Amino acid sequence: MNARTLYEALLDADRPHRDVVDAWLRPSATADYRARLRTAAVHRTRWWGTEDGRGLLEELYALGRVADLLLLEPQLPPYLALFTALGMAPCTAADTAFDPFRHEIAEVEQAEDPDAPIELLDVRTPGLMLGELLFTRARVRVRAGAAHAERGVADRSVLYWTHRRAHRPTRDLSQGWGGNSQWRTDFRLDYRTPHGDLLNVAEDRPIDGRPDLHPDDPANLGPEERRLTPAERRELLRHRCLLRTPAAARPGGFPAWAEDLWVYEWRLPAAEEPSAGA
């Protein structure tokens, strides 16, 4: 049994999702399976560089698609039952400031002052952590000035590294592949460590001999990605979406070129990260 099996069972289910989850958990949530997931809980082991690590990246990706599916309606009881049984801890952080590491913007209330910073209003669905590893972000409603988060962009533009969301387009590397090949997609690894946040760290291994990429290095960017400012590229990596209409866009709407950017190899180490909420 694996997470792909569960995902396909949920898609085909003619019974409550909780029953499907419970039926999968009984044979699957073994001590060995939970221990395998815990391998990914700490960044310093750099576990993804091993042969077994490749399979774990793909299993985490499949679990992420299960989470996406359960949160479409949402199905919070089976979502929490499943992932807490697998050793993950819910995190809402409803009493803290907005934190793009833990919070995904689901709705923007536009503040009258365009310079008003992003303010957390409420949490729609909880996020999940596996040790230091971010598994899912909490989906939240925020208030912000248009200079920081634009209604209709921060909550409706393409969400990258994501397979499914209600009410917005998504992009991940599984899309466009066949029924089997799509499941060889890697899970994005973001870690909150004692030394700071690490974003998309699995991409610090070269792919096909190419060098690591950085969102501030124009030499490593395609023509569409170069249209974004360095700040916009960093925000896209941090938030997984654009927060405002790009500065390079022509007047009259959100540009089509910003809806299919190649961002999947970008990463930022802790030393180069802006502070939370920036």
C-alpha atoms as a PDB file:
ATOM      1  CA  MET A   1       0.000   0.000   0.000  1.00  0.00           C
ATOM      2  CA  ASN A   2       1.178   3.530  -0.784  1.00  0.00           C
ATOM      3  CA  ALA A   3      -0.214   7.040  -0.950  1.00  0.00           C
ATOM      4  CA  ARG A   4      -1.015   6.756  -4.647  1.00  0.00           C
ATOM      5  CA  THR A   5      -3.318   3.838  -3.805  1.00  0.00           C
ATOM      6  CA  LEU A   6      -5.122   6.006  -1.271  1.00  0.00           C
ATOM      7  CA  TYR A   7      -5.436   8.930  -3.685  1.00  0.00           C
ATOM      8  CA  GLU A   8      -6.977   6.736  -6.369  1.00  0.00           C
ATOM      9  CA  ALA A   9      -9.328   5.111  -3.839  1.00  0.00           C
ATOM     10  CA  LEU A  10     -10.529   8.541  -2.718  1.00  0.00           C
ATOM     11  CA  LEU A  11     -11.160   9.610  -6.323  1.00  0.00           C
ATOM     12  CA  ASP A  12     -13.248   6.504  -6.989  1.00  0.00           C
ATOM     13  CA  ALA A  13     -14.977   6.365  -3.606  1.00  0.00           C
ATOM     14  CA  ASP A  14     -18.744   5.924  -3.359  1.00  0.00           C
ATOM     15  CA  ARG A  15     -18.529   6.040   0.443  1.00  0.00           C
ATOM     16  CA  PRO A  16     -17.424   8.682   2.966  1.00  0.00           C
ATOM     17  CA  HIS A  17     -13.783   9.703   2.690  1.00  0.00           C
ATOM     18  CA  ARG A  18     -13.248   8.937   6.373  1.00  0.00           C
ATOM     19  CA  ASP A  19     -14.101   5.280   5.685  1.00  0.00           C
ATOM     20  CA  VAL A  20     -11.615   5.180   2.787  1.00  0.00           C
ATOM     21  CA  VAL A  21      -8.907   6.736   4.943  1.00  0.00           C
ATOM     22  CA  ASP A  22      -9.557   4.334   7.818  1.00  0.00           C
ATOM     23  CA  ALA A  23      -9.421   1.339   5.489  1.00  0.00           C
ATOM     24  CA  TRP A  24      -6.069   2.511   4.104  1.00  0.00           C
ATOM     25  CA  LEU A  25      -4.608   3.344   7.498  1.00  0.00           C
ATOM     26  CA  ARG A  26      -5.152  -0.072   9.032  1.00  0.00           C
ATOM     27  CA  PRO A  27      -2.634  -1.903   6.832  1.00  0.00           C
ATOM     28  CA  SER A  28      -0.542   1.119   5.840  1.00  0.00           C
ATOM     29  CA  ALA A  29       0.172   3.247   8.924  1.00  0.00           C
ATOM     30  CA  THR A  30       2.653   0.755  10.262  1.00  0.00           C
ATOM     31  CA  ALA A  31       5.611   1.622  12.445  1.00  0.00           C
ATOM     32  CA  ASP A  32       7.867   1.049   9.426  1.00  0.00           C
ATOM     33  CA  TYR A  33       5.885   3.454   7.238  1.00  0.00           C
ATOM     34  CA  ARG A  34       5.864   6.154   9.927  1.00  0.00           C
ATOM     35  CA  ALA A  35       9.574   5.648  10.501  1.00  0.00           C
ATOM     36  CA  ARG A  36      10.196   6.058   6.777  1.00  0.00           C
ATOM     37  CA  LEU A  37       8.336   9.361   6.799  1.00  0.00           C
ATOM     38  CA  ARG A  38      10.301  10.525   9.852  1.00  0.00           C
ATOM     39  CA  THR A  39      13.449  10.191   7.781  1.00  0.00           C
ATOM     40  CA  ALA A  40      12.357  13.426   6.098  1.00  0.00           C
ATOM     41  CA  ALA A  41      11.669  15.295   9.339  1.00  0.00           C
ATOM     42  CA  VAL A  42      15.189  16.716   9.827  1.00  0.00           C
ATOM     43  CA  HIS A  43      17.100  18.669   7.214  1.00  0.00           C
ATOM     44  CA  ARG A  44      20.638  18.071   8.422  1.00  0.00           C
ATOM     45  CA  THR A  45      20.640  14.406   7.381  1.00  0.00           C
ATOM     46  CA  ARG A  46      20.310  15.406   3.686  1.00  0.00           C
ATOM     47  CA  TRP A  47      18.396  12.157   3.219  1.00  0.00           C
ATOM     48  CA  TRP A  48      17.124  13.061  -0.276  1.00  0.00           C
ATOM     49  CA  GLY A  49      20.532  12.422  -1.784  1.00  0.00           C
ATOM     50  CA  THR A  50      20.191   8.642  -1.339  1.00  0.00           C
ATOM     51  CA  GLU A  51      18.485   6.089  -3.560  1.00  0.00           C
ATOM     52  CA  ASP A  52      15.864   5.460  -0.875  1.00  0.00           C
ATOM     53  CA  GLY A  53      15.418   9.211  -0.550  1.00  0.00           C
ATOM     54  CA  ARG A  54      14.255   9.496  -4.147  1.00  0.00           C
ATOM     55  CA  GLY A  55      11.405   7.094  -3.432  1.00  0.00           C
ATOM     56  CA  LEU A  56      10.512   9.002  -0.275  1.00  0.00           C
ATOM     57  CA  LEU A  57      10.320  12.289  -2.213  1.00  0.00           C
ATOM     58  CA  GLU A  58       7.794  10.637  -4.529  1.00  0.00           C
ATOM     59  CA  GLU A  59       5.814   9.138  -1.627  1.00  0.00           C
ATOM     60  CA  LEU A  60       5.621  12.525   0.078  1.00  0.00           C
ATOM     61  CA  TYR A  61       4.427  14.031  -3.200  1.00  0.00           C
ATOM     62  CA  ALA A  62       1.651  11.421  -3.402  1.00  0.00           C
ATOM     63  CA  LEU A  63       0.659  12.172   0.205  1.00  0.00           C
ATOM     64  CA  GLY A  64       0.564  15.857  -0.717  1.00  0.00           C
ATOM     65  CA  ARG A  65      -1.919  15.085  -3.472  1.00  0.00           C
ATOM     66  CA  VAL A  66      -4.042  13.192  -0.958  1.00  0.00           C
ATOM     67  CA  ALA A  67      -4.017  16.297   1.250  1.00  0.00           C
ATOM     68  CA  ASP A  68      -5.004  18.497  -1.707  1.00  0.00           C
ATOM     69  CA  LEU A  69      -7.917  16.205  -2.466  1.00  0.00           C
ATOM     70  CA  LEU A  70      -9.189  16.026   1.115  1.00  0.00           C
ATOM     71  CA  LEU A  71      -9.091  19.813   1.407  1.00  0.00           C
ATOM     72  CA  LEU A  72     -11.053  20.510  -1.758  1.00  0.00           C
ATOM     73  CA  GLU A  73     -14.414  20.170   0.013  1.00  0.00           C
ATOM     74  CA  PRO A  74     -12.870  20.367   2.712  1.00  0.00           C
ATOM     75  CA  GLN A  75     -12.801  17.035   4.521  1.00  0.00           C
ATOM     76  CA  LEU A  76     -11.089  18.175   7.707  1.00  0.00           C
ATOM     77  CA  PRO A  77     -11.838  15.150   9.942  1.00  0.00           C
ATOM     78  CA  PRO A  78     -10.287  12.555   7.592  1.00  0.00           C
ATOM     79  CA  TYR A  79      -7.470  14.989   6.722  1.00  0.00           C
ATOM     80  CA  LEU A  80      -6.475  15.409  10.352  1.00  0.00           C
ATOM     81  CA  ALA A  81      -7.083  11.760  11.233  1.00  0.00           C
ATOM     82  CA  LEU A  82      -4.872  10.557   8.394  1.00  0.00           C
ATOM     83  CA  PHE A  83      -1.899  12.840   8.811  1.00  0.00           C
ATOM     84  CA  THR A  84      -1.771  12.872  12.594  1.00  0.00           C
ATOM     85  CA  ALA A  85      -1.792   9.052  12.456  1.00  0.00           C
ATOM     86  CA  LEU A  86       1.247   9.322  10.193  1.00  0.00           C
ATOM     87  CA  GLY A  87       3.093  11.432  12.757  1.00  0.00           C
ATOM     88  CA  MET A  88       2.412  14.977  11.516  1.00  0.00           C
ATOM     89  CA  ALA A  89       1.459  17.865  13.787  1.00  0.00           C
ATOM     90  CA  PRO A  90      -1.317  20.338  12.881  1.00  0.00           C
ATOM     91  CA  CYS A  91      -0.366  24.001  12.966  1.00  0.00           C
ATOM     92  CA  THR A  92      -2.790  26.874  12.608  1.00  0.00           C
ATOM     93  CA  ALA A  93      -0.719  29.685  14.136  1.00  0.00           C
ATOM     94  CA  ALA A  94      -3.942  31.706  14.292  1.00  0.00           C
ATOM     95  CA  ASP A  95      -2.590  33.868  17.117  1.00  0.00           C
ATOM     96  CA  THR A  96       0.592  34.937  15.323  1.00  0.00           C
ATOM     97  CA  ALA A  97       1.546  37.331  12.563  1.00  0.00           C
ATOM     98  CA  PHE A  98       1.184  36.280   8.950  1.00  0.00           C
ATOM     99  CA  ASP A  99       4.039  33.929   8.059  1.00  0.00           C
ATOM    100  CA  PRO A 100       4.390  32.859   4.398  1.00  0.00           C
ATOM    101  CA  PHE A 101       6.327  29.769   5.449  1.00  0.00           C
ATOM    102  CA  ARG A 102       3.259  28.455   7.312  1.00  0.00           C
ATOM    103  CA  HIS A 103       0.422  30.361   5.641  1.00  0.00           C
ATOM    104  CA  GLU A 104      -1.024  30.105   2.134  1.00  0.00           C
ATOM    105  CA  ILE A 105      -3.199  33.065   1.164  1.00  0.00           C
ATOM    106  CA  ALA A 106      -6.664  31.820   0.258  1.00  0.00           C
ATOM    107  CA  GLU A 107      -8.503  35.154   0.400  1.00  0.00           C
ATOM    108  CA  VAL A 108      -7.407  38.785   0.445  1.00  0.00           C
ATOM    109  CA  GLU A 109      -9.423  41.601   1.979  1.00  0.00           C
ATOM    110  CA  GLN A 110      -7.994  44.732   0.389  1.00  0.00           C
ATOM    111  CA  ALA A 111      -7.074  47.422   2.889  1.00  0.00           C
ATOM    112  CA  GLU A 112      -7.747  51.047   2.024  1.00  0.00           C
ATOM    113  CA  ASP A 113      -4.132  51.986   2.740  1.00  0.00           C
ATOM    114  CA  PRO A 114      -2.056  50.490  -0.101  1.00  0.00           C
ATOM    115  CA  ASP A 115       0.968  50.277   2.214  1.00  0.00           C
ATOM    116  CA  ALA A 116      -0.811  48.297   4.944  1.00  0.00           C
ATOM    117  CA  PRO A 117       1.226  45.116   5.644  1.00  0.00           C
ATOM    118  CA  ILE A 118      -0.240  41.637   5.328  1.00  0.00           C
ATOM    119  CA  GLU A 119      -2.364  40.921   8.414  1.00  0.00           C
ATOM    120  CA  LEU A 120      -3.664  37.469   9.330  1.00  0.00           C
ATOM    121  CA  LEU A 121      -7.446  37.507   9.869  1.00  0.00           C
ATOM    122  CA  ASP A 122      -8.377  33.846  10.236  1.00  0.00           C
ATOM    123  CA  VAL A 123      -7.309  30.304   9.396  1.00  0.00           C
ATOM    124  CA  ARG A 124      -9.523  28.316   7.032  1.00  0.00           C
ATOM    125  CA  THR A 125      -7.705  24.963   7.208  1.00  0.00           C
ATOM    126  CA  PRO A 126      -4.754  23.903   9.370  1.00  0.00           C
ATOM    127  CA  GLY A 127      -1.285  23.238   8.056  1.00  0.00           C
ATOM    128  CA  LEU A 128       0.882  20.251   8.931  1.00  0.00           C
ATOM    129  CA  MET A 129       4.507  19.867   9.992  1.00  0.00           C
ATOM    130  CA  LEU A 130       6.594  16.705  10.018  1.00  0.00           C
ATOM    131  CA  GLY A 131       9.323  17.695  12.439  1.00  0.00           C
ATOM    132  CA  GLU A 132      11.188  20.546  10.739  1.00  0.00           C
ATOM    133  CA  LEU A 133       9.592  19.760   7.369  1.00  0.00           C
ATOM    134  CA  LEU A 134       6.624  21.765   6.130  1.00  0.00           C
ATOM    135  CA  PHE A 135       4.053  19.342   4.720  1.00  0.00           C
ATOM    136  CA  THR A 136       1.113  21.675   4.067  1.00  0.00           C
ATOM    137  CA  ARG A 137       0.580  25.344   4.836  1.00  0.00           C
ATOM    138  CA  ALA A 138      -2.481  26.603   6.690  1.00  0.00           C
ATOM    139  CA  ARG A 139      -4.885  28.316   4.288  1.00  0.00           C
ATOM    140  CA  VAL A 140      -5.741  31.748   5.562  1.00  0.00           C
ATOM    141  CA  ARG A 141      -7.686  34.939   4.978  1.00  0.00           C
ATOM    142  CA  VAL A 142      -5.649  38.118   5.200  1.00  0.00           C
ATOM    143  CA  ARG A 143      -6.027  41.885   4.971  1.00  0.00           C
ATOM    144  CA  ALA A 144      -3.369  43.796   3.084  1.00  0.00           C
ATOM    145  CA  GLY A 145      -2.649  46.925   1.134  1.00  0.00           C
ATOM    146  CA  ALA A 146      -2.333  46.477  -2.616  1.00  0.00           C
ATOM    147  CA  ALA A 147       1.387  47.246  -2.435  1.00  0.00           C
ATOM    148  CA  HIS A 148       1.864  44.012  -0.454  1.00  0.00           C
ATOM    149  CA  ALA A 149      -0.867  41.607  -1.622  1.00  0.00           C
ATOM    150  CA  GLU A 150      -3.331  42.355  -4.388  1.00  0.00           C
ATOM    151  CA  ARG A 151      -6.817  40.870  -4.212  1.00  0.00           C
ATOM    152  CA  GLY A 152      -7.361  38.670  -7.262  1.00  0.00           C
ATOM    153  CA  VAL A 153      -3.625  37.968  -7.592  1.00  0.00           C
ATOM    154  CA  ALA A 154      -2.315  36.796  -4.214  1.00  0.00           C
ATOM    155  CA  ASP A 155      -5.426  34.631  -3.784  1.00  0.00           C
ATOM    156  CA  ARG A 156      -6.229  33.702  -7.404  1.00  0.00           C
ATOM    157  CA  SER A 157      -3.016  33.603  -9.465  1.00  0.00           C
ATOM    158  CA  VAL A 158      -1.236  30.356 -10.330  1.00  0.00           C
ATOM    159  CA  LEU A 159      -0.103  28.447  -7.257  1.00  0.00           C
ATOM    160  CA  TYR A 160       3.158  26.677  -8.104  1.00  0.00           C
ATOM    161  CA  TRP A 161       4.444  23.399  -6.637  1.00  0.00           C
ATOM    162  CA  THR A 162       0.763  22.505  -6.178  1.00  0.00           C
ATOM    163  CA  HIS A 163      -1.466  19.925  -7.852  1.00  0.00           C
ATOM    164  CA  ARG A 164      -5.003  21.011  -6.926  1.00  0.00           C
ATOM    165  CA  ARG A 165      -6.748  23.920  -5.246  1.00  0.00           C
ATOM    166  CA  ALA A 166     -10.305  25.128  -5.271  1.00  0.00           C
ATOM    167  CA  HIS A 167     -10.892  28.405  -7.119  1.00  0.00           C
ATOM    168  CA  ARG A 168      -7.398  28.908  -8.531  1.00  0.00           C
ATOM    169  CA  PRO A 169      -5.056  27.463 -11.167  1.00  0.00           C
ATOM    170  CA  THR A 170      -2.104  25.332 -10.092  1.00  0.00           C
ATOM    171  CA  ARG A 171       1.148  24.055 -11.585  1.00  0.00           C
ATOM    172  CA  ASP A 172       3.446  21.226 -10.616  1.00  0.00           C
ATOM    173  CA  LEU A 173       5.839  18.971 -12.482  1.00  0.00           C
ATOM    174  CA  SER A 174       3.366  16.063 -12.665  1.00  0.00           C
ATOM    175  CA  GLN A 175       1.108  17.907 -15.091  1.00  0.00           C
ATOM    176  CA  GLY A 176       1.346  16.829 -18.701  1.00  0.00           C
ATOM    177  CA  TRP A 177       2.726  13.367 -17.898  1.00  0.00           C
ATOM    178  CA  GLY A 178       1.006   9.997 -18.212  1.00  0.00           C
ATOM    179  CA  GLY A 179      -0.766   8.019 -15.535  1.00  0.00           C
ATOM    180  CA  ASN A 180       2.412   6.436 -14.177  1.00  0.00           C
ATOM    181  CA  SER A 181       5.097   9.013 -14.982  1.00  0.00           C
ATOM    182  CA  GLN A 182       3.306  11.802 -13.091  1.00  0.00           C
ATOM    183  CA  TRP A 183       3.860   9.944  -9.812  1.00  0.00           C
ATOM    184  CA  ARG A 184       7.628  10.295 -10.141  1.00  0.00           C
ATOM    185  CA  THR A 185       7.344  13.940  -9.146  1.00  0.00           C
ATOM    186  CA  ASP A 186       9.393  15.124  -6.164  1.00  0.00           C
ATOM    187  CA  PHE A 187       7.820  16.756  -3.138  1.00  0.00           C
ATOM    188  CA  ARG A 188       9.043  20.319  -2.496  1.00  0.00           C
ATOM    189  CA  LEU A 189      11.135  20.356   0.681  1.00  0.00           C
ATOM    190  CA  ASP A 190      10.874  23.444   2.901  1.00  0.00           C
ATOM    191  CA  TYR A 191      12.446  23.258   6.363  1.00  0.00           C
ATOM    192  CA  ARG A 192      12.170  25.513   9.394  1.00  0.00           C
ATOM    193  CA  THR A 193      15.393  24.846  11.270  1.00  0.00           C
ATOM    194  CA  PRO A 194      16.971  26.412  14.366  1.00  0.00           C
ATOM    195  CA  HIS A 195      19.193  28.364  11.965  1.00  0.00           C
ATOM    196  CA  GLY A 196      16.436  29.651   9.687  1.00  0.00           C
ATOM    197  CA  ASP A 197      14.183  28.626   6.814  1.00  0.00           C
ATOM    198  CA  LEU A 198      15.404  26.545   3.891  1.00  0.00           C
ATOM    199  CA  LEU A 199      13.268  26.577   0.749  1.00  0.00           C
ATOM    200  CA  ASN A 200      13.085  23.886  -1.943  1.00  0.00           C
ATOM    201  CA  VAL A 201      16.265  22.299  -0.669  1.00  0.00           C
ATOM    202  CA  ALA A 202      16.040  19.075  -2.689  1.00  0.00           C
ATOM    203  CA  GLU A 203      17.008  21.200  -5.674  1.00  0.00           C
ATOM    204  CA  ASP A 204      20.433  21.840  -4.187  1.00  0.00           C
ATOM    205  CA  ARG A 205      21.484  18.673  -6.001  1.00  0.00           C
ATOM    206  CA  PRO A 206      22.296  19.350  -9.682  1.00  0.00           C
ATOM    207  CA  ILE A 207      19.748  18.011 -12.168  1.00  0.00           C
ATOM    208  CA  ASP A 208      21.081  16.488 -15.394  1.00  0.00           C
ATOM    209  CA  GLY A 209      24.444  18.141 -14.774  1.00  0.00           C
ATOM    210  CA  ARG A 210      23.004  21.651 -14.647  1.00  0.00           C
ATOM    211  CA  PRO A 211      24.103  24.020 -11.870  1.00  0.00           C
ATOM    212  CA  ASP A 212      21.926  25.005  -8.953  1.00  0.00           C
ATOM    213  CA  LEU A 213      19.622  27.915  -9.700  1.00  0.00           C
ATOM    214  CA  HIS A 214      18.976  31.030  -7.661  1.00  0.00           C
ATOM    215  CA  PRO A 215      15.985  33.326  -8.189  1.00  0.00           C
ATOM    216  CA  ASP A 216      18.234  36.404  -8.225  1.00  0.00           C
ATOM    217  CA  ASP A 217      20.661  35.242 -10.931  1.00  0.00           C
ATOM    218  CA  PRO A 218      19.428  36.340 -14.401  1.00  0.00           C
ATOM    219  CA  ALA A 219      21.962  34.060 -16.085  1.00  0.00           C
ATOM    220  CA  ASN A 220      20.011  31.082 -14.787  1.00  0.00           C
ATOM    221  CA  LEU A 221      16.573  32.353 -15.826  1.00  0.00           C
ATOM    222  CA  GLY A 222      14.464  31.963 -18.927  1.00  0.00           C
ATOM    223  CA  PRO A 223      13.114  35.010 -20.786  1.00  0.00           C
ATOM    224  CA  GLU A 224       9.769  34.987 -18.985  1.00  0.00           C
ATOM    225  CA  GLU A 225      11.329  34.633 -15.536  1.00  0.00           C
ATOM    226  CA  ARG A 226      13.648  37.556 -16.300  1.00  0.00           C
ATOM    227  CA  ARG A 227      10.613  39.804 -16.633  1.00  0.00           C
ATOM    228  CA  LEU A 228      10.082  39.495 -12.875  1.00  0.00           C
ATOM    229  CA  THR A 229      12.057  41.715 -10.538  1.00  0.00           C
ATOM    230  CA  PRO A 230      14.371  40.014  -8.014  1.00  0.00           C
ATOM    231  CA  ALA A 231      11.858  40.849  -5.274  1.00  0.00           C
ATOM    232  CA  GLU A 232       9.024  39.291  -7.275  1.00  0.00           C
ATOM    233  CA  ARG A 233      11.041  36.128  -7.864  1.00  0.00           C
ATOM    234  CA  ARG A 234      11.868  35.811  -4.179  1.00  0.00           C
ATOM    235  CA  GLU A 235       8.227  36.356  -3.235  1.00  0.00           C
ATOM    236  CA  LEU A 236       7.128  33.733  -5.743  1.00  0.00           C
ATOM    237  CA  LEU A 237       9.499  31.186  -4.238  1.00  0.00           C
ATOM    238  CA  ARG A 238       8.477  32.067  -0.702  1.00  0.00           C
ATOM    239  CA  HIS A 239       4.701  32.302  -1.261  1.00  0.00           C
ATOM    240  CA  ARG A 240       4.531  29.835  -4.212  1.00  0.00           C
ATOM    241  CA  CYS A 241       2.589  32.457  -6.145  1.00  0.00           C
ATOM    242  CA  LEU A 242       2.824  36.089  -7.203  1.00  0.00           C
ATOM    243  CA  LEU A 243       1.359  38.575  -4.748  1.00  0.00           C
ATOM    244  CA  ARG A 244       0.745  41.446  -7.177  1.00  0.00           C
ATOM    245  CA  THR A 245       0.495  42.033 -10.904  1.00  0.00           C
ATOM    246  CA  PRO A 246       4.130  41.970 -12.082  1.00  0.00           C
ATOM    247  CA  ALA A 247       5.771  45.343 -12.539  1.00  0.00           C
ATOM    248  CA  ALA A 248       6.639  44.391 -16.148  1.00  0.00           C
ATOM    249  CA  ALA A 249       3.015  43.712 -17.070  1.00  0.00           C
ATOM    250  CA  ARG A 250       1.285  45.980 -19.518  1.00  0.00           C
ATOM    251  CA  PRO A 251      -1.714  47.923 -18.216  1.00  0.00           C
ATOM    252  CA  GLY A 252      -5.000  46.090 -18.384  1.00  0.00           C
ATOM    253  CA  GLY A 253      -4.647  42.846 -16.481  1.00  0.00           C
ATOM    254  CA  PHE A 254      -2.551  39.957 -15.283  1.00  0.00           C
ATOM    255  CA  PRO A 255      -0.163  38.783 -18.033  1.00  0.00           C
ATOM    256  CA  ALA A 256      -0.417  35.315 -19.573  1.00  0.00           C
ATOM    257  CA  TRP A 257       3.379  34.936 -19.477  1.00  0.00           C
ATOM    258  CA  ALA A 258       3.284  34.880 -15.658  1.00  0.00           C
ATOM    259  CA  GLU A 259       1.016  31.815 -15.575  1.00  0.00           C
ATOM    260  CA  ASP A 260       3.527  29.171 -16.647  1.00  0.00           C
ATOM    261  CA  LEU A 261       6.905  30.149 -15.252  1.00  0.00           C
ATOM    262  CA  TRP A 262       9.760  27.679 -14.714  1.00  0.00           C
ATOM    263  CA  VAL A 263      10.414  28.076 -10.991  1.00  0.00           C
ATOM    264  CA  TYR A 264      10.903  24.523  -9.759  1.00  0.00           C
ATOM    265  CA  GLU A 265      14.677  24.627  -9.346  1.00  0.00           C
ATOM    266  CA  TRP A 266      14.798  27.903  -7.445  1.00  0.00           C
ATOM    267  CA  ARG A 267      15.892  27.721  -3.827  1.00  0.00           C
ATOM    268  CA  LEU A 268      16.969  30.016  -1.036  1.00  0.00           C
ATOM    269  CA  PRO A 269      19.138  29.075   1.942  1.00  0.00           C
ATOM    270  CA  ALA A 270      18.474  30.588   5.336  1.00  0.00           C
ATOM    271  CA  ALA A 271      21.293  33.126   5.073  1.00  0.00           C
ATOM    272  CA  GLU A 272      19.685  34.695   2.006  1.00  0.00           C
ATOM    273  CA  GLU A 273      16.083  34.668   3.221  1.00  0.00           C
ATOM    274  CA  PRO A 274      14.120  37.795   4.086  1.00  0.00           C
ATOM    275  CA  SER A 275      12.482  37.802   7.506  1.00  0.00           C
ATOM    276  CA  ALA A 276       9.119  36.072   7.973  1.00  0.00           C
ATOM    277  CA  GLY A 277       6.281  38.171   6.609  1.00  0.00           C
ATOM    278  CA  ALA A 278       8.523  40.145   4.283  1.00  0.00           C
END
